[in-house]
PDB file of N, CA and C in Angstrom:
ATOM      1  N   UNK A   1     207.254 262.363 157.599  1.00  0.00           N
ATOM      2  CA  UNK A   1     206.185 261.733 158.353  1.00  0.00           C
ATOM      3  C   UNK A   1     204.921 261.629 157.509  1.00  0.00           C
ATOM      4  N   UNK A   2     204.649 262.648 156.676  1.00  0.00           N
ATOM      5  CA  UNK A   2     203.474 262.581 155.815  1.00  0.00           C
ATOM      6  C   UNK A   2     203.576 261.433 154.827  1.00  0.00           C
ATOM      7  N   UNK A   3     204.798 261.155 154.361  1.00  0.00           N
ATOM      8  CA  UNK A   3     204.989 260.054 153.429  1.00  0.00           C
ATOM      9  C   UNK A   3     204.667 258.719 154.097  1.00  0.00           C
ATOM     10  N   UNK A   4     205.056 258.579 155.351  1.00  0.00           N
ATOM     11  CA  UNK A   4     204.781 257.346 156.082  1.00  0.00           C
ATOM     12  C   UNK A   4     203.288 257.191 156.363  1.00  0.00           C
ATOM     13  N   UNK A   5     202.595 258.304 156.536  1.00  0.00           N
ATOM     14  CA  UNK A   5     201.165 258.271 156.845  1.00  0.00           C
ATOM     15  C   UNK A   5     200.293 258.412 155.605  1.00  0.00           C
ATOM     16  N   UNK A   6     200.862 258.263 154.425  1.00  0.00           N
ATOM     17  CA  UNK A   6     200.086 258.480 153.201  1.00  0.00           C
ATOM     18  C   UNK A   6     198.928 257.493 153.073  1.00  0.00           C
ATOM     19  N   UNK A   7     199.107 256.264 153.526  1.00  0.00           N
ATOM     20  CA  UNK A   7     198.016 255.291 153.470  1.00  0.00           C
ATOM     21  C   UNK A   7     196.867 255.704 154.383  1.00  0.00           C
ATOM     22  N   UNK A   8     197.201 256.198 155.559  1.00  0.00           N
ATOM     23  CA  UNK A   8     196.171 256.635 156.502  1.00  0.00           C
ATOM     24  C   UNK A   8     195.439 257.861 155.965  1.00  0.00           C
ATOM     25  N   UNK A   9     196.179 258.783 155.369  1.00  0.00           N
ATOM     26  CA  UNK A   9     195.563 259.989 154.798  1.00  0.00           C
ATOM     27  C   UNK A   9     194.646 259.612 153.648  1.00  0.00           C
ATOM     28  N   UNK A  10     195.099 258.700 152.794  1.00  0.00           N
ATOM     29  CA  UNK A  10     194.285 258.246 151.673  1.00  0.00           C
ATOM     30  C   UNK A  10     193.013 257.562 152.165  1.00  0.00           C
ATOM     31  N   UNK A  11     193.114 256.767 153.191  1.00  0.00           N
ATOM     32  CA  UNK A  11     191.951 256.102 153.770  1.00  0.00           C
ATOM     33  C   UNK A  11     190.973 257.115 154.360  1.00  0.00           C
ATOM     34  N   UNK A  12     191.485 258.132 155.030  1.00  0.00           N
ATOM     35  CA  UNK A  12     190.624 259.158 155.619  1.00  0.00           C
ATOM     36  C   UNK A  12     189.903 259.967 154.539  1.00  0.00           C
ATOM     37  N   UNK A  13     190.600 260.319 153.481  1.00  0.00           N
ATOM     38  CA  UNK A  13     189.973 261.072 152.395  1.00  0.00           C
ATOM     39  C   UNK A  13     188.909 260.210 151.714  1.00  0.00           C
ATOM     40  N   UNK A  14     189.200 258.939 151.495  1.00  0.00           N
ATOM     41  CA  UNK A  14     188.216 258.032 150.903  1.00  0.00           C
ATOM     42  C   UNK A  14     186.981 257.883 151.777  1.00  0.00           C
ATOM     43  N   UNK A  15     187.184 257.792 153.086  1.00  0.00           N
ATOM     44  CA  UNK A  15     186.055 257.687 154.008  1.00  0.00           C
ATOM     45  C   UNK A  15     185.194 258.942 153.973  1.00  0.00           C
ATOM     46  N   UNK A  16     185.842 260.098 153.867  1.00  0.00           N
ATOM     47  CA  UNK A  16     185.068 261.344 153.778  1.00  0.00           C
ATOM     48  C   UNK A  16     184.279 261.421 152.476  1.00  0.00           C
ATOM     49  N   UNK A  17     184.865 260.956 151.387  1.00  0.00           N
ATOM     50  CA  UNK A  17     184.150 260.956 150.112  1.00  0.00           C
ATOM     51  C   UNK A  17     182.952 260.016 150.145  1.00  0.00           C
ATOM     52  N   UNK A  18     183.121 258.840 150.724  1.00  0.00           N
ATOM     53  CA  UNK A  18     182.014 257.894 150.825  1.00  0.00           C
ATOM     54  C   UNK A  18     180.925 258.439 151.739  1.00  0.00           C
ATOM     55  N   UNK A  19     181.318 259.047 152.852  1.00  0.00           N
ATOM     56  CA  UNK A  19     180.326 259.631 153.759  1.00  0.00           C
ATOM     57  C   UNK A  19     179.546 260.756 153.080  1.00  0.00           C
ATOM     58  N   UNK A  20     180.240 261.572 152.291  1.00  0.00           N
ATOM     59  CA  UNK A  20     179.568 262.645 151.562  1.00  0.00           C
ATOM     60  C   UNK A  20     178.596 262.070 150.542  1.00  0.00           C
ATOM     61  N   UNK A  21     179.008 261.029 149.838  1.00  0.00           N
ATOM     62  CA  UNK A  21     178.123 260.380 148.862  1.00  0.00           C
ATOM     63  C   UNK A  21     176.879 259.825 149.540  1.00  0.00           C
ATOM     64  N   UNK A  22     177.045 259.170 150.671  1.00  0.00           N
ATOM     65  CA  UNK A  22     175.891 258.610 151.377  1.00  0.00           C
ATOM     66  C   UNK A  22     174.944 259.703 151.852  1.00  0.00           C
ATOM     67  N   UNK A  23     175.483 260.808 152.341  1.00  0.00           N
ATOM     68  CA  UNK A  23     174.627 261.902 152.797  1.00  0.00           C
ATOM     69  C   UNK A  23     173.900 262.571 151.635  1.00  0.00           C
ATOM     70  N   UNK A  24     174.564 262.685 150.498  1.00  0.00           N
ATOM     71  CA  UNK A  24     173.912 263.286 149.329  1.00  0.00           C
ATOM     72  C   UNK A  24     172.761 262.405 148.851  1.00  0.00           C
ATOM     73  N   UNK A  25     172.953 261.090 148.863  1.00  0.00           N
ATOM     74  CA  UNK A  25     171.892 260.182 148.445  1.00  0.00           C
ATOM     75  C   UNK A  25     170.775 260.145 149.483  1.00  0.00           C
ATOM     76  N   UNK A  26     171.100 260.292 150.761  1.00  0.00           N
ATOM     77  CA  UNK A  26     170.099 260.226 151.821  1.00  0.00           C
ATOM     78  C   UNK A  26     169.313 261.526 151.970  1.00  0.00           C
ATOM     79  N   UNK A  27     169.798 262.607 151.404  1.00  0.00           N
ATOM     80  CA  UNK A  27     169.133 263.901 151.572  1.00  0.00           C
ATOM     81  C   UNK A  27     167.694 263.924 151.044  1.00  0.00           C
ATOM     82  N   UNK A  28     167.412 263.388 149.845  1.00  0.00           N
ATOM     83  CA  UNK A  28     166.001 263.371 149.416  1.00  0.00           C
ATOM     84  C   UNK A  28     165.105 262.527 150.325  1.00  0.00           C
ATOM     85  N   UNK A  29     165.652 261.465 150.884  1.00  0.00           N
ATOM     86  CA  UNK A  29     164.862 260.644 151.806  1.00  0.00           C
ATOM     87  C   UNK A  29     164.478 261.429 153.053  1.00  0.00           C
ATOM     88  N   UNK A  30     165.327 262.355 153.444  1.00  0.00           N
ATOM     89  CA  UNK A  30     165.042 263.183 154.622  1.00  0.00           C
ATOM     90  C   UNK A  30     163.821 264.066 154.371  1.00  0.00           C
ATOM     91  N   UNK A  31     163.711 264.567 153.146  1.00  0.00           N
ATOM     92  CA  UNK A  31     162.576 265.434 152.815  1.00  0.00           C
ATOM     93  C   UNK A  31     161.295 264.645 152.598  1.00  0.00           C
ATOM     94  N   UNK A  32     161.384 263.445 152.046  1.00  0.00           N
ATOM     95  CA  UNK A  32     160.196 262.712 151.636  1.00  0.00           C
ATOM     96  C   UNK A  32     159.685 261.711 152.655  1.00  0.00           C
ATOM     97  N   UNK A  33     160.529 261.253 153.563  1.00  0.00           N
ATOM     98  CA  UNK A  33     160.104 260.225 154.519  1.00  0.00           C
ATOM     99  C   UNK A  33     160.451 260.644 155.944  1.00  0.00           C
ATOM    100  N   UNK A  34     159.711 260.137 156.903  1.00  0.00           N
ATOM    101  CA  UNK A  34     160.021 260.441 158.306  1.00  0.00           C
ATOM    102  C   UNK A  34     160.981 259.426 158.946  1.00  0.00           C
ATOM    103  N   UNK A  35     161.860 258.835 158.162  1.00  0.00           N
ATOM    104  CA  UNK A  35     162.778 257.823 158.679  1.00  0.00           C
ATOM    105  C   UNK A  35     163.850 258.460 159.559  1.00  0.00           C
ATOM    106  N   UNK A  36     164.338 257.725 160.549  1.00  0.00           N
ATOM    107  CA  UNK A  36     165.469 258.233 161.340  1.00  0.00           C
ATOM    108  C   UNK A  36     166.741 258.270 160.496  1.00  0.00           C
ATOM    109  N   UNK A  37     167.729 258.992 160.977  1.00  0.00           N
ATOM    110  CA  UNK A  37     168.957 259.218 160.213  1.00  0.00           C
ATOM    111  C   UNK A  37     169.672 257.911 159.885  1.00  0.00           C
ATOM    112  N   UNK A  38     169.741 256.979 160.828  1.00  0.00           N
ATOM    113  CA  UNK A  38     170.462 255.735 160.578  1.00  0.00           C
ATOM    114  C   UNK A  38     169.814 254.927 159.463  1.00  0.00           C
ATOM    115  N   UNK A  39     168.486 254.927 159.392  1.00  0.00           N
ATOM    116  CA  UNK A  39     167.823 254.143 158.347  1.00  0.00           C
ATOM    117  C   UNK A  39     167.943 254.820 156.982  1.00  0.00           C
ATOM    118  N   UNK A  40     167.947 256.160 156.962  1.00  0.00           N
ATOM    119  CA  UNK A  40     168.163 256.860 155.691  1.00  0.00           C
ATOM    120  C   UNK A  40     169.544 256.544 155.137  1.00  0.00           C
ATOM    121  N   UNK A  41     170.543 256.534 156.012  1.00  0.00           N
ATOM    122  CA  UNK A  41     171.903 256.208 155.573  1.00  0.00           C
ATOM    123  C   UNK A  41     172.017 254.746 155.150  1.00  0.00           C
ATOM    124  N   UNK A  42     171.297 253.863 155.821  1.00  0.00           N
ATOM    125  CA  UNK A  42     171.298 252.460 155.442  1.00  0.00           C
ATOM    126  C   UNK A  42     170.689 252.279 154.056  1.00  0.00           C
ATOM    127  N   UNK A  43     169.557 252.920 153.811  1.00  0.00           N
ATOM    128  CA  UNK A  43     168.909 252.829 152.501  1.00  0.00           C
ATOM    129  C   UNK A  43     169.808 253.441 151.423  1.00  0.00           C
ATOM    130  N   UNK A  44     170.399 254.580 151.717  1.00  0.00           N
ATOM    131  CA  UNK A  44     171.281 255.203 150.722  1.00  0.00           C
ATOM    132  C   UNK A  44     172.497 254.328 150.459  1.00  0.00           C
ATOM    133  N   UNK A  45     173.026 253.674 151.465  1.00  0.00           N
ATOM    134  CA  UNK A  45     174.148 252.761 151.268  1.00  0.00           C
ATOM    135  C   UNK A  45     173.769 251.580 150.391  1.00  0.00           C
ATOM    136  N   UNK A  46     172.576 251.041 150.608  1.00  0.00           N
ATOM    137  CA  UNK A  46     172.111 249.935 149.779  1.00  0.00           C
ATOM    138  C   UNK A  46     171.888 250.375 148.338  1.00  0.00           C
ATOM    139  N   UNK A  47     171.379 251.591 148.150  1.00  0.00           N
ATOM    140  CA  UNK A  47     171.184 252.123 146.798  1.00  0.00           C
ATOM    141  C   UNK A  47     172.526 252.285 146.096  1.00  0.00           C
ATOM    142  N   UNK A  48     173.505 252.850 146.786  1.00  0.00           N
ATOM    143  CA  UNK A  48     174.827 253.056 146.191  1.00  0.00           C
ATOM    144  C   UNK A  48     175.476 251.715 145.856  1.00  0.00           C
ATOM    145  N   UNK A  49     175.394 250.756 146.762  1.00  0.00           N
ATOM    146  CA  UNK A  49     175.963 249.430 146.499  1.00  0.00           C
ATOM    147  C   UNK A  49     175.252 248.773 145.319  1.00  0.00           C
ATOM    148  N   UNK A  50     173.934 248.927 145.260  1.00  0.00           N
ATOM    149  CA  UNK A  50     173.181 248.369 144.140  1.00  0.00           C
ATOM    150  C   UNK A  50     173.565 248.994 142.813  1.00  0.00           C
ATOM    151  N   UNK A  51     173.746 250.311 142.796  1.00  0.00           N
ATOM    152  CA  UNK A  51     174.140 250.978 141.560  1.00  0.00           C
ATOM    153  C   UNK A  51     175.530 250.553 141.107  1.00  0.00           C
ATOM    154  N   UNK A  52     176.474 250.492 142.042  1.00  0.00           N
ATOM    155  CA  UNK A  52     177.821 250.052 141.696  1.00  0.00           C
ATOM    156  C   UNK A  52     177.819 248.588 141.254  1.00  0.00           C
ATOM    157  N   UNK A  53     177.011 247.769 141.922  1.00  0.00           N
ATOM    158  CA  UNK A  53     176.913 246.359 141.531  1.00  0.00           C
ATOM    159  C   UNK A  53     176.335 246.192 140.137  1.00  0.00           C
ATOM    160  N   UNK A  54     175.283 246.947 139.818  1.00  0.00           N
ATOM    161  CA  UNK A  54     174.682 246.867 138.491  1.00  0.00           C
ATOM    162  C   UNK A  54     175.651 247.344 137.423  1.00  0.00           C
ATOM    163  N   UNK A  55     176.356 248.434 137.696  1.00  0.00           N
ATOM    164  CA  UNK A  55     177.337 248.933 136.734  1.00  0.00           C
ATOM    165  C   UNK A  55     178.465 247.924 136.543  1.00  0.00           C
ATOM    166  N   UNK A  56     178.942 247.335 137.622  1.00  0.00           N
ATOM    167  CA  UNK A  56     179.989 246.321 137.523  1.00  0.00           C
ATOM    168  C   UNK A  56     179.531 245.097 136.761  1.00  0.00           C
ATOM    169  N   UNK A  57     178.296 244.675 136.989  1.00  0.00           N
ATOM    170  CA  UNK A  57     177.761 243.517 136.284  1.00  0.00           C
ATOM    171  C   UNK A  57     177.664 243.786 134.786  1.00  0.00           C
ATOM    172  N   UNK A  58     177.180 244.978 134.426  1.00  0.00           N
ATOM    173  CA  UNK A  58     177.067 245.312 133.004  1.00  0.00           C
ATOM    174  C   UNK A  58     178.438 245.413 132.352  1.00  0.00           C
ATOM    175  N   UNK A  59     179.381 246.024 133.031  1.00  0.00           N
ATOM    176  CA  UNK A  59     180.727 246.141 132.474  1.00  0.00           C
ATOM    177  C   UNK A  59     181.427 244.793 132.406  1.00  0.00           C
ATOM    178  N   UNK A  60     181.232 243.960 133.418  1.00  0.00           N
ATOM    179  CA  UNK A  60     181.903 242.664 133.444  1.00  0.00           C
ATOM    180  C   UNK A  60     181.404 241.774 132.326  1.00  0.00           C
ATOM    181  N   UNK A  61     180.103 241.804 132.026  1.00  0.00           N
ATOM    182  CA  UNK A  61     179.594 240.954 130.957  1.00  0.00           C
ATOM    183  C   UNK A  61     180.193 241.372 129.620  1.00  0.00           C
ATOM    184  N   UNK A  62     180.333 242.649 129.397  1.00  0.00           N
ATOM    185  CA  UNK A  62     180.939 243.125 128.146  1.00  0.00           C
ATOM    186  C   UNK A  62     182.442 242.812 128.131  1.00  0.00           C
ATOM    187  N   UNK A  63     183.114 243.018 129.255  1.00  0.00           N
ATOM    188  CA  UNK A  63     184.556 242.773 129.309  1.00  0.00           C
ATOM    189  C   UNK A  63     184.872 241.290 129.157  1.00  0.00           C
ATOM    190  N   UNK A  64     184.045 240.419 129.707  1.00  0.00           N
ATOM    191  CA  UNK A  64     184.315 238.983 129.586  1.00  0.00           C
ATOM    192  C   UNK A  64     184.169 238.530 128.150  1.00  0.00           C
ATOM    193  N   UNK A  65     183.207 239.089 127.409  1.00  0.00           N
ATOM    194  CA  UNK A  65     183.069 238.740 125.994  1.00  0.00           C
ATOM    195  C   UNK A  65     184.289 239.216 125.212  1.00  0.00           C
ATOM    196  N   UNK A  66     184.740 240.418 125.492  1.00  0.00           N
ATOM    197  CA  UNK A  66     185.935 240.947 124.817  1.00  0.00           C
ATOM    198  C   UNK A  66     187.174 240.126 125.170  1.00  0.00           C
ATOM    199  N   UNK A  67     187.290 239.738 126.422  1.00  0.00           N
ATOM    200  CA  UNK A  67     188.452 238.970 126.864  1.00  0.00           C
ATOM    201  C   UNK A  67     188.477 237.603 126.202  1.00  0.00           C
ATOM    202  N   UNK A  68     187.323 236.956 126.073  1.00  0.00           N
ATOM    203  CA  UNK A  68     187.296 235.650 125.416  1.00  0.00           C
ATOM    204  C   UNK A  68     187.666 235.785 123.946  1.00  0.00           C
ATOM    205  N   UNK A  69     187.275 236.878 123.300  1.00  0.00           N
ATOM    206  CA  UNK A  69     187.665 237.124 121.914  1.00  0.00           C
ATOM    207  C   UNK A  69     189.181 237.321 121.799  1.00  0.00           C
ATOM    208  N   UNK A  70     189.766 238.036 122.732  1.00  0.00           N
ATOM    209  CA  UNK A  70     191.223 238.239 122.728  1.00  0.00           C
ATOM    210  C   UNK A  70     191.942 236.900 122.903  1.00  0.00           C
ATOM    211  N   UNK A  71     191.446 236.060 123.787  1.00  0.00           N
ATOM    212  CA  UNK A  71     192.057 234.748 124.008  1.00  0.00           C
ATOM    213  C   UNK A  71     191.984 233.907 122.738  1.00  0.00           C
ATOM    214  N   UNK A  72     190.823 233.918 122.066  1.00  0.00           N
ATOM    215  CA  UNK A  72     190.677 233.148 120.819  1.00  0.00           C
ATOM    216  C   UNK A  72     191.665 233.640 119.762  1.00  0.00           C
ATOM    217  N   UNK A  73     191.815 234.942 119.638  1.00  0.00           N
ATOM    218  CA  UNK A  73     192.746 235.481 118.649  1.00  0.00           C
ATOM    219  C   UNK A  73     194.197 235.159 119.006  1.00  0.00           C
ATOM    220  N   UNK A  74     194.520 235.171 120.283  1.00  0.00           N
ATOM    221  CA  UNK A  74     195.884 234.846 120.708  1.00  0.00           C
ATOM    222  C   UNK A  74     196.204 233.383 120.421  1.00  0.00           C
ATOM    223  N   UNK A  75     195.258 232.499 120.669  1.00  0.00           N
ATOM    224  CA  UNK A  75     195.460 231.082 120.390  1.00  0.00           C
ATOM    225  C   UNK A  75     195.633 230.858 118.888  1.00  0.00           C
ATOM    226  N   UNK A  76     194.800 231.536 118.077  1.00  0.00           N
ATOM    227  CA  UNK A  76     194.910 231.403 116.624  1.00  0.00           C
ATOM    228  C   UNK A  76     196.252 231.941 116.132  1.00  0.00           C
ATOM    229  N   UNK A  77     196.699 233.041 116.690  1.00  0.00           N
ATOM    230  CA  UNK A  77     197.991 233.607 116.295  1.00  0.00           C
ATOM    231  C   UNK A  77     199.132 232.684 116.703  1.00  0.00           C
ATOM    232  N   UNK A  78     199.022 232.043 117.836  1.00  0.00           N
ATOM    233  CA  UNK A  78     200.056 231.104 118.297  1.00  0.00           C
ATOM    234  C   UNK A  78     200.133 229.907 117.353  1.00  0.00           C
ATOM    235  N   UNK A  79     198.970 229.373 116.967  1.00  0.00           N
ATOM    236  CA  UNK A  79     198.964 228.246 116.030  1.00  0.00           C
ATOM    237  C   UNK A  79     199.542 228.652 114.673  1.00  0.00           C
ATOM    238  N   UNK A  80     199.239 229.851 114.214  1.00  0.00           N
ATOM    239  CA  UNK A  80     199.757 230.325 112.946  1.00  0.00           C
ATOM    240  C   UNK A  80     201.275 230.486 113.009  1.00  0.00           C
ATOM    241  N   UNK A  81     201.775 231.008 114.121  1.00  0.00           N
ATOM    242  CA  UNK A  81     203.223 231.139 114.276  1.00  0.00           C
ATOM    243  C   UNK A  81     203.920 229.788 114.308  1.00  0.00           C
ATOM    244  N   UNK A  82     203.291 228.808 114.962  1.00  0.00           N
ATOM    245  CA  UNK A  82     203.886 227.474 115.037  1.00  0.00           C
ATOM    246  C   UNK A  82     203.924 226.808 113.653  1.00  0.00           C
ATOM    247  N   UNK A  83     202.910 227.052 112.836  1.00  0.00           N
ATOM    248  CA  UNK A  83     202.890 226.478 111.496  1.00  0.00           C
ATOM    249  C   UNK A  83     203.967 227.090 110.611  1.00  0.00           C
ATOM    250  N   UNK A  84     204.230 228.364 110.795  1.00  0.00           N
ATOM    251  CA  UNK A  84     205.248 229.024 109.976  1.00  0.00           C
ATOM    252  C   UNK A  84     206.628 228.621 110.443  1.00  0.00           C
TER     253      UNK A  84
END
């Protein structure tokens, strides 16, 4: 039965990890601002999404340059093989 419910268990563990991350990020806001709990969690969620988005954008720009270089080398190797 645990094997059949592995997707549900994985989803629950992921949800707990995300909730813990949001609470950890919202904790300083609790000390510094008089915001209600829902708004602190909203701000922390936006901060986390922004950080992940910025990291993804930086990684994607580097990966796309590397990928285009790999494509150029593959095309050149294909032409060289065809000539031989």
